[in-house]
């Protein structure tokens, strides 16, 4: 056989072998399987106040448990504000306690002296009124003199009553207006303490759930702006399986139904619960590379796996269709 013909035969054999391998691969790869991938929703965690990153407790790719402290923005300013707020609260509470104690003995003594003077003036006014009544009856005084004496006595009696009331209020500690004002200042100071405590908490956020650190944007010592993400976290409960169902099969996929799936290097018997079915059709996205999946009208379906912590976002998956 001529060498040229031998080369042609060899190339033809290799081409046939390649086509056979492609046919077998497409046939054995589960052509009826639905193509998809693992998707993860990222949480971007930041601080409400700008400042230098004082501590960084995580690194990229690390798994963290719920409640793990992720980082700390320098708290000096917030700590100082918190100390000031607590000092204001202590002062307000002291004023409120003082208002409830009533007036001091010295102040009570002054009020009692005022009462005694008012009572003495009232006795003199009463004597003058009695004398005026007798003189009017005898015709010595005009009637108007009696009216003046009676008015003077009534005024003196009113001053006695007012002085006695002041002593009673001071003795019982019932300065209600002052007490209410003091209580209002205490409530305001307590709110200030709570506010500063809440602000201090935002400088060192906790992981809301277990997950994987996707990215760390700032290192220790760097200055982070307010509300600028410092750490990106993918929580385990936000890992989903996203796959695509042909339009003639989508009716079988309802929320809360389970689907089985598999992926390279994953354990057997994986299941996920459907959480979302897109109401709008689309053409299979370019990320799905299988020839059978191209150019089909499909609906996107999301399902939450039971083992989200073991799946890596971006990993291709094959989903068993619902029959």
Protein backbone atom coordinates (compact mmCIF):
# COMPACT_ATOMS: atom_id res chain seq x y z
CA UNK A 1 0.00 0.00 0.00
CA UNK A 2 1.28 3.39 -0.92
CA UNK A 3 2.28 5.68 1.96
CA UNK A 4 -0.20 8.37 0.88
CA UNK A 5 -3.07 5.91 0.95
CA UNK A 6 -1.93 4.55 4.33
CA UNK A 7 -2.03 8.05 5.81
CA UNK A 8 -5.51 8.63 4.45
CA UNK A 9 -6.74 5.34 5.93
CA UNK A 10 -5.22 6.16 9.31
CA UNK A 11 -6.80 9.65 9.37
CA UNK A 12 -10.16 8.24 8.34
CA UNK A 13 -9.95 5.66 11.13
CA UNK A 14 -9.11 8.33 13.69
CA UNK A 15 -12.04 10.44 12.50
CA UNK A 16 -14.42 7.51 12.80
CA UNK A 17 -13.07 6.70 16.25
CA UNK A 18 -13.56 10.32 17.39
CA UNK A 19 -17.13 10.43 16.05
CA UNK A 20 -17.88 7.13 17.76
CA UNK A 21 -16.50 8.44 21.03
CA UNK A 22 -18.61 11.57 20.77
CA UNK A 23 -21.72 9.51 20.07
CA UNK A 24 -21.05 7.20 22.98
CA UNK A 25 -20.30 10.14 25.31
CA UNK A 26 -23.54 11.85 24.41
CA UNK A 27 -25.48 8.63 24.81
CA UNK A 28 -23.92 7.59 28.11
CA UNK A 29 -23.94 11.06 29.65
CA UNK A 30 -27.61 10.93 30.41
CA UNK A 31 -28.99 12.94 27.54
CA UNK A 32 -32.30 13.36 29.36
CA UNK A 33 -30.60 15.01 32.33
CA UNK A 34 -31.20 18.73 32.89
CA UNK A 35 -28.13 20.94 32.92
CA UNK A 36 -27.46 23.53 35.58
CA UNK A 37 -24.94 24.86 38.07
CA UNK A 38 -24.52 25.84 41.70
CA UNK A 39 -25.35 29.46 42.48
CA UNK A 40 -24.64 31.40 45.68
CA UNK A 41 -26.10 34.74 46.82
CA UNK A 42 -23.40 36.95 48.30
CA UNK A 43 -23.85 39.11 51.38
CA UNK A 44 -21.66 42.22 51.52
CA UNK A 45 -20.95 43.11 55.15
CA UNK A 46 -19.84 46.62 56.04
CA UNK A 47 -19.69 49.07 58.94
CA UNK A 48 -22.01 52.04 59.32
CA UNK A 49 -19.10 54.26 60.38
CA UNK A 50 -15.92 55.01 58.48
CA UNK A 51 -12.62 54.13 60.10
CA UNK A 52 -9.46 52.08 60.08
CA UNK A 53 -9.78 48.28 60.07
CA UNK A 54 -8.41 47.45 63.50
CA UNK A 55 -8.92 43.68 63.38
CA UNK A 56 -9.72 41.13 60.67
CA UNK A 57 -10.82 37.73 61.96
CA UNK A 58 -11.39 35.88 58.67
CA UNK A 59 -9.61 35.14 55.40
CA UNK A 60 -10.81 34.42 51.88
CA UNK A 61 -12.20 30.91 51.45
CA UNK A 62 -12.61 30.32 55.18
CA UNK A 63 -15.76 28.71 56.54
CA UNK A 64 -17.36 30.56 59.46
CA UNK A 65 -20.12 29.66 61.89
CA UNK A 66 -23.16 31.80 62.58
CA UNK A 67 -22.33 34.58 65.03
CA UNK A 68 -18.63 34.70 64.17
CA UNK A 69 -17.15 38.19 64.57
CA UNK A 70 -15.76 39.10 61.17
CA UNK A 71 -13.86 42.37 61.57
CA UNK A 72 -13.59 45.46 63.72
CA UNK A 73 -13.46 49.12 62.72
CA UNK A 74 -11.55 51.27 65.24
CA UNK A 75 -14.06 51.92 68.05
CA UNK A 76 -12.31 54.74 69.94
CA UNK A 77 -14.76 57.48 68.98
CA UNK A 78 -17.82 55.34 69.68
CA UNK A 79 -16.40 54.17 73.01
CA UNK A 80 -15.86 57.78 74.08
CA UNK A 81 -19.41 58.68 73.05
CA UNK A 82 -20.71 55.69 74.99
CA UNK A 83 -18.85 56.77 78.13
CA UNK A 84 -20.26 60.28 77.78
CA UNK A 85 -23.77 58.89 77.35
CA UNK A 86 -23.44 56.72 80.48
CA UNK A 87 -22.18 59.72 82.46
CA UNK A 88 -25.20 61.73 81.33
CA UNK A 89 -27.46 58.85 82.36
CA UNK A 90 -25.91 58.71 85.84
CA UNK A 91 -26.43 62.47 86.26
CA UNK A 92 -30.05 62.27 85.11
CA UNK A 93 -30.78 59.37 87.47
CA UNK A 94 -29.26 61.33 90.36
CA UNK A 95 -31.45 64.33 89.56
CA UNK A 96 -34.53 62.12 89.41
CA UNK A 97 -33.69 60.60 92.79
CA UNK A 98 -33.16 64.06 94.22
CA UNK A 99 -36.55 65.21 92.93
CA UNK A 100 -38.27 62.31 94.71
CA UNK A 101 -36.60 63.06 98.05
CA UNK A 102 -38.43 66.34 98.46
CA UNK A 103 -36.94 69.58 99.81
CA UNK A 104 -34.19 69.70 102.43
CA UNK A 105 -34.90 70.45 106.15
CA UNK A 106 -33.52 73.97 105.73
CA UNK A 107 -35.97 74.59 102.92
CA UNK A 108 -38.78 73.15 105.03
CA UNK A 109 -37.80 75.55 107.84
CA UNK A 110 -38.12 78.54 105.53
CA UNK A 111 -41.54 77.37 104.41
CA UNK A 112 -42.63 76.90 108.02
CA UNK A 113 -41.43 80.44 108.88
CA UNK A 114 -43.50 81.77 105.97
CA UNK A 115 -46.50 79.84 107.28
CA UNK A 116 -46.09 81.21 110.81
CA UNK A 117 -45.85 84.78 109.48
CA UNK A 118 -48.96 84.25 107.38
CA UNK A 119 -50.86 82.86 110.39
CA UNK A 120 -49.83 85.84 112.55
CA UNK A 121 -50.98 88.24 109.85
CA UNK A 122 -54.25 86.32 109.59
CA UNK A 123 -54.84 86.60 113.37
CA UNK A 124 -54.26 90.34 113.25
CA UNK A 125 -56.61 90.63 110.30
CA UNK A 126 -59.26 88.67 112.23
CA UNK A 127 -58.93 90.96 115.25
CA UNK A 128 -59.24 94.01 112.99
CA UNK A 129 -62.34 92.49 111.37
CA UNK A 130 -64.02 91.85 114.74
CA UNK A 131 -63.31 95.44 115.85
CA UNK A 132 -64.66 96.82 112.58
CA UNK A 133 -67.89 94.81 112.98
CA UNK A 134 -68.46 96.24 116.48
CA UNK A 135 -67.75 99.82 115.40
CA UNK A 136 -70.01 99.53 112.39
CA UNK A 137 -72.86 98.25 114.55
CA UNK A 138 -72.35 101.26 116.87
CA UNK A 139 -72.32 103.58 113.87
CA UNK A 140 -68.81 104.80 114.41
CA UNK A 141 -67.34 103.21 111.23
CA UNK A 142 -68.82 103.41 107.79
CA UNK A 143 -69.88 100.19 106.09
CA UNK A 144 -66.99 100.41 103.66
CA UNK A 145 -64.51 100.05 106.54
CA UNK A 146 -66.05 96.67 107.39
CA UNK A 147 -65.74 95.48 103.78
CA UNK A 148 -62.08 96.46 103.74
CA UNK A 149 -61.38 94.59 107.00
CA UNK A 150 -63.18 91.47 105.73
CA UNK A 151 -61.18 91.52 102.46
CA UNK A 152 -57.91 91.89 104.38
CA UNK A 153 -58.77 88.92 106.59
CA UNK A 154 -59.73 86.71 103.61
CA UNK A 155 -56.47 87.58 101.86
CA UNK A 156 -54.47 86.71 104.97
CA UNK A 157 -56.36 83.41 105.35
CA UNK A 158 -55.56 82.53 101.70
CA UNK A 159 -51.86 83.14 102.31
CA UNK A 160 -51.98 80.80 105.32
CA UNK A 161 -53.61 78.07 103.24
CA UNK A 162 -51.03 78.47 100.46
CA UNK A 163 -48.13 78.29 102.94
CA UNK A 164 -49.54 75.13 104.52
CA UNK A 165 -49.94 73.51 101.09
CA UNK A 166 -46.34 74.28 100.18
CA UNK A 167 -45.14 72.61 103.36
CA UNK A 168 -47.30 69.56 102.72
CA UNK A 169 -46.06 69.17 99.16
CA UNK A 170 -42.42 69.59 100.20
CA UNK A 171 -42.78 67.19 103.14
CA UNK A 172 -44.39 64.44 101.03
CA UNK A 173 -41.92 64.88 98.13
CA UNK A 174 -44.72 65.25 95.61
CA UNK A 175 -43.12 67.77 93.30
CA UNK A 176 -44.76 66.08 90.39
CA UNK A 177 -43.67 68.46 87.68
CA UNK A 178 -40.03 68.25 88.71
CA UNK A 179 -40.23 64.47 88.99
CA UNK A 180 -41.74 64.15 85.51
CA UNK A 181 -39.05 66.38 84.04
CA UNK A 182 -36.32 64.38 85.77
CA UNK A 183 -37.80 61.10 84.51
CA UNK A 184 -37.89 62.49 80.98
CA UNK A 185 -34.20 63.36 81.21
CA UNK A 186 -33.45 59.82 82.41
CA UNK A 187 -35.36 58.31 79.48
CA UNK A 188 -33.50 60.56 77.05
CA UNK A 189 -30.15 59.57 78.53
CA UNK A 190 -31.05 55.88 78.38
CA UNK A 191 -31.95 56.24 74.69
CA UNK A 192 -28.59 57.88 74.10
CA UNK A 193 -26.79 54.98 75.79
CA UNK A 194 -28.73 52.48 73.65
CA UNK A 195 -27.94 54.44 70.49
CA UNK A 196 -24.20 54.55 71.17
CA UNK A 197 -24.24 50.84 72.03
CA UNK A 198 -25.98 50.02 68.76
CA UNK A 199 -23.48 52.09 66.79
CA UNK A 200 -20.62 50.33 68.52
CA UNK A 201 -22.11 46.99 67.48
CA UNK A 202 -22.15 48.00 63.80
CA UNK A 203 -18.38 48.47 63.91
CA UNK A 204 -17.89 44.74 64.47
CA UNK A 205 -20.61 42.81 62.60
CA UNK A 206 -21.31 39.12 63.12
CA UNK A 207 -21.87 36.48 60.47
CA UNK A 208 -25.67 36.18 60.15
CA UNK A 209 -25.38 32.46 59.35
CA UNK A 210 -22.81 29.81 58.62
CA UNK A 211 -21.11 30.16 55.27
CA UNK A 212 -17.95 30.69 53.26
CA UNK A 213 -15.94 33.90 53.00
CA UNK A 214 -15.90 34.72 49.30
CA UNK A 215 -13.76 37.85 49.40
CA UNK A 216 -11.97 40.19 51.81
CA UNK A 217 -11.80 43.73 50.43
CA UNK A 218 -9.79 45.47 53.17
CA UNK A 219 -6.83 44.33 55.24
CA UNK A 220 -5.93 45.32 58.77
CA UNK A 221 -4.75 48.92 58.96
CA UNK A 222 -6.57 50.07 55.81
CA UNK A 223 -9.21 52.80 55.99
CA UNK A 224 -12.73 51.69 55.06
CA UNK A 225 -15.41 54.17 54.12
CA UNK A 226 -18.83 54.04 55.75
CA UNK A 227 -21.13 51.35 54.29
CA UNK A 228 -18.28 50.10 52.10
CA UNK A 229 -18.14 46.26 52.06
CA UNK A 230 -15.22 44.84 54.01
CA UNK A 231 -16.10 41.13 53.72
CA UNK A 232 -18.24 39.17 51.25
CA UNK A 233 -19.97 36.08 52.66
CA UNK A 234 -21.90 33.32 50.88
CA UNK A 235 -24.25 31.83 53.51
CA UNK A 236 -25.00 28.11 53.34
CA UNK A 237 -28.73 28.82 53.33
CA UNK A 238 -28.33 30.94 50.17
CA UNK A 239 -26.73 28.22 48.05
CA UNK A 240 -29.09 27.11 45.28
CA UNK A 241 -29.11 24.75 42.34
CA UNK A 242 -30.04 26.66 39.20
CA UNK A 243 -31.09 24.54 36.23
CA UNK A 244 -33.17 24.90 33.09
CA UNK A 245 -36.31 22.99 32.17
CA UNK A 246 -37.75 22.73 28.61
CA UNK A 247 -41.02 24.56 28.16
CA UNK A 248 -42.97 21.32 27.57
CA UNK A 249 -41.91 19.96 30.99
CA UNK A 250 -42.01 23.02 33.23
CA UNK A 251 -45.56 22.35 34.48
CA UNK A 252 -44.23 19.46 36.57
CA UNK A 253 -41.89 21.72 38.53
CA UNK A 254 -43.65 23.31 41.47
CA UNK A 255 -42.24 24.93 44.59
CA UNK A 256 -41.55 22.61 47.54
CA UNK A 257 -41.11 19.59 45.24
CA UNK A 258 -37.80 17.77 45.45
CA UNK A 259 -35.40 16.98 42.63
CA UNK A 260 -32.35 14.75 42.55
CA UNK A 261 -29.05 15.97 41.16
CA UNK A 262 -25.45 14.98 40.89
CA UNK A 263 -22.15 16.70 40.29
CA UNK A 264 -18.53 15.73 39.80
CA UNK A 265 -16.87 14.71 43.03
CA UNK A 266 -20.11 15.00 45.04
CA UNK A 267 -21.74 12.34 47.20
CA UNK A 268 -24.54 10.18 45.82
CA UNK A 269 -28.23 10.73 46.45
CA UNK A 270 -28.21 14.52 46.54
CA UNK A 271 -31.62 16.21 46.69
CA UNK A 272 -32.82 19.80 46.56
CA UNK A 273 -36.19 21.47 47.18
CA UNK A 274 -37.55 23.74 44.47
CA UNK A 275 -37.87 27.30 45.75
CA UNK A 276 -38.50 29.28 42.57
CA UNK A 277 -39.72 28.73 39.02
CA UNK A 278 -39.22 31.60 36.60
CA UNK A 279 -42.46 32.86 35.03
CA UNK A 280 -40.62 33.92 31.86
CA UNK A 281 -39.02 31.62 29.27
CA UNK A 282 -35.54 32.17 27.90
CA UNK A 283 -33.03 30.53 25.63
CA UNK A 284 -30.48 28.33 27.35
CA UNK A 285 -27.71 30.64 28.62
CA UNK A 286 -24.21 30.27 27.13
CA UNK A 287 -22.86 28.81 30.39
CA UNK A 288 -24.68 25.57 29.54
CA UNK A 289 -22.36 24.04 26.94
CA UNK A 290 -23.94 20.68 26.13
CA UNK A 291 -24.99 20.36 22.48
CA UNK A 292 -28.38 18.95 23.44
CA UNK A 293 -29.18 21.97 25.63
CA UNK A 294 -28.36 24.64 23.06
CA UNK A 295 -31.03 26.71 21.35
CA UNK A 296 -33.94 25.40 23.45
CA UNK A 297 -36.65 27.50 25.00
CA UNK A 298 -36.37 26.82 28.74
CA UNK A 299 -37.52 28.06 32.15
CA UNK A 300 -35.04 28.72 34.90
CA UNK A 301 -35.68 26.79 38.14
CA UNK A 302 -33.95 27.25 41.49
CA UNK A 303 -33.82 24.62 44.25
CA UNK A 304 -32.21 24.73 47.68
CA UNK A 305 -30.01 21.71 48.42
CA UNK A 306 -29.88 20.07 51.80
CA UNK A 307 -26.07 20.14 51.80
CA UNK A 308 -25.36 23.65 50.54
CA UNK A 309 -22.22 23.90 52.67
CA UNK A 310 -20.58 21.14 50.56
CA UNK A 311 -21.24 22.73 47.17
CA UNK A 312 -19.05 25.28 45.46
CA UNK A 313 -20.77 28.07 43.48
CA UNK A 314 -20.21 27.66 39.76
CA UNK A 315 -19.99 23.85 39.91
CA UNK A 316 -21.94 22.21 37.01
CA UNK A 317 -24.74 19.84 38.02
CA UNK A 318 -27.04 17.35 36.30
CA UNK A 319 -30.62 17.23 37.52
CA UNK A 320 -32.92 14.25 37.06
CA UNK A 321 -36.15 15.37 35.36
CA UNK A 322 -39.41 15.00 37.22
CA UNK A 323 -41.50 12.35 35.52
